[in-house]
Amino acid sequence: MARIVNDWRIDLMRAHPRLFEIVAEEPKHSFGYPLCEAGWRDVMERLCVRIEDALQDGETFQFVRIKQKFGVARFDWDGEVSDQTRLRILEAINLAVARSACSCEICGAEGRLYSNRGWLATRCAEHAAGDPVPVRPGYENVRFLRRTPGTANMYYARYDRATDTLTEVSPRPPHGEK
């Protein structure tokens, strides 16, 4: 009897065919196959919907690589898009990176960064391994993000998980803190 295996990653890729090119015989070997756990499925779904909404007629997009690195999601892609679409894709990716940085990769619950013998992972208290990575007070859920594709134009933004939004913040600590 054949064993049926459900893979949320392949389901995600099939649900968004404009963003993924699936190798029919070996979907797990396709470019863009998400190399992360099921807790980030919501992060991936939100990202895919935002990118599809950004794409104009005639524009192309394909994920090249999706992975976890240093405890957050990383995305590489290729395609032919307008400058306006490129900015919208970057905004979508910034939101996805920020959400992954505070969502348990295992279950999707609110989480934080842990270090386990140098391996960084975002986890909830239940799935945590290692020690929490210290965060400077006032900088909880603050990310250093790219404002313009392909440039060093960066900014700091605080991510609000409840509203799924980024708000630009000062790179300096609040008054009185060092």
Foldseek 3Di string as FASTA:
>chain_A
DDDDDDDLQVVLCVVQVQAWDADVVCRCPTFARAAFAPLLSVLSNQLSVQLVVLADPPKGKYWRYWYADQAFIDTDMDIGGDQSSVQSNQQSVVLSRLQSQQAARHNNHGWHWAAAPNGIHTHHPVPDHHGGDDDDPPCVSKDWGANGPPDPRIFIWHADNVVSDTDTDDPDDPPPGD
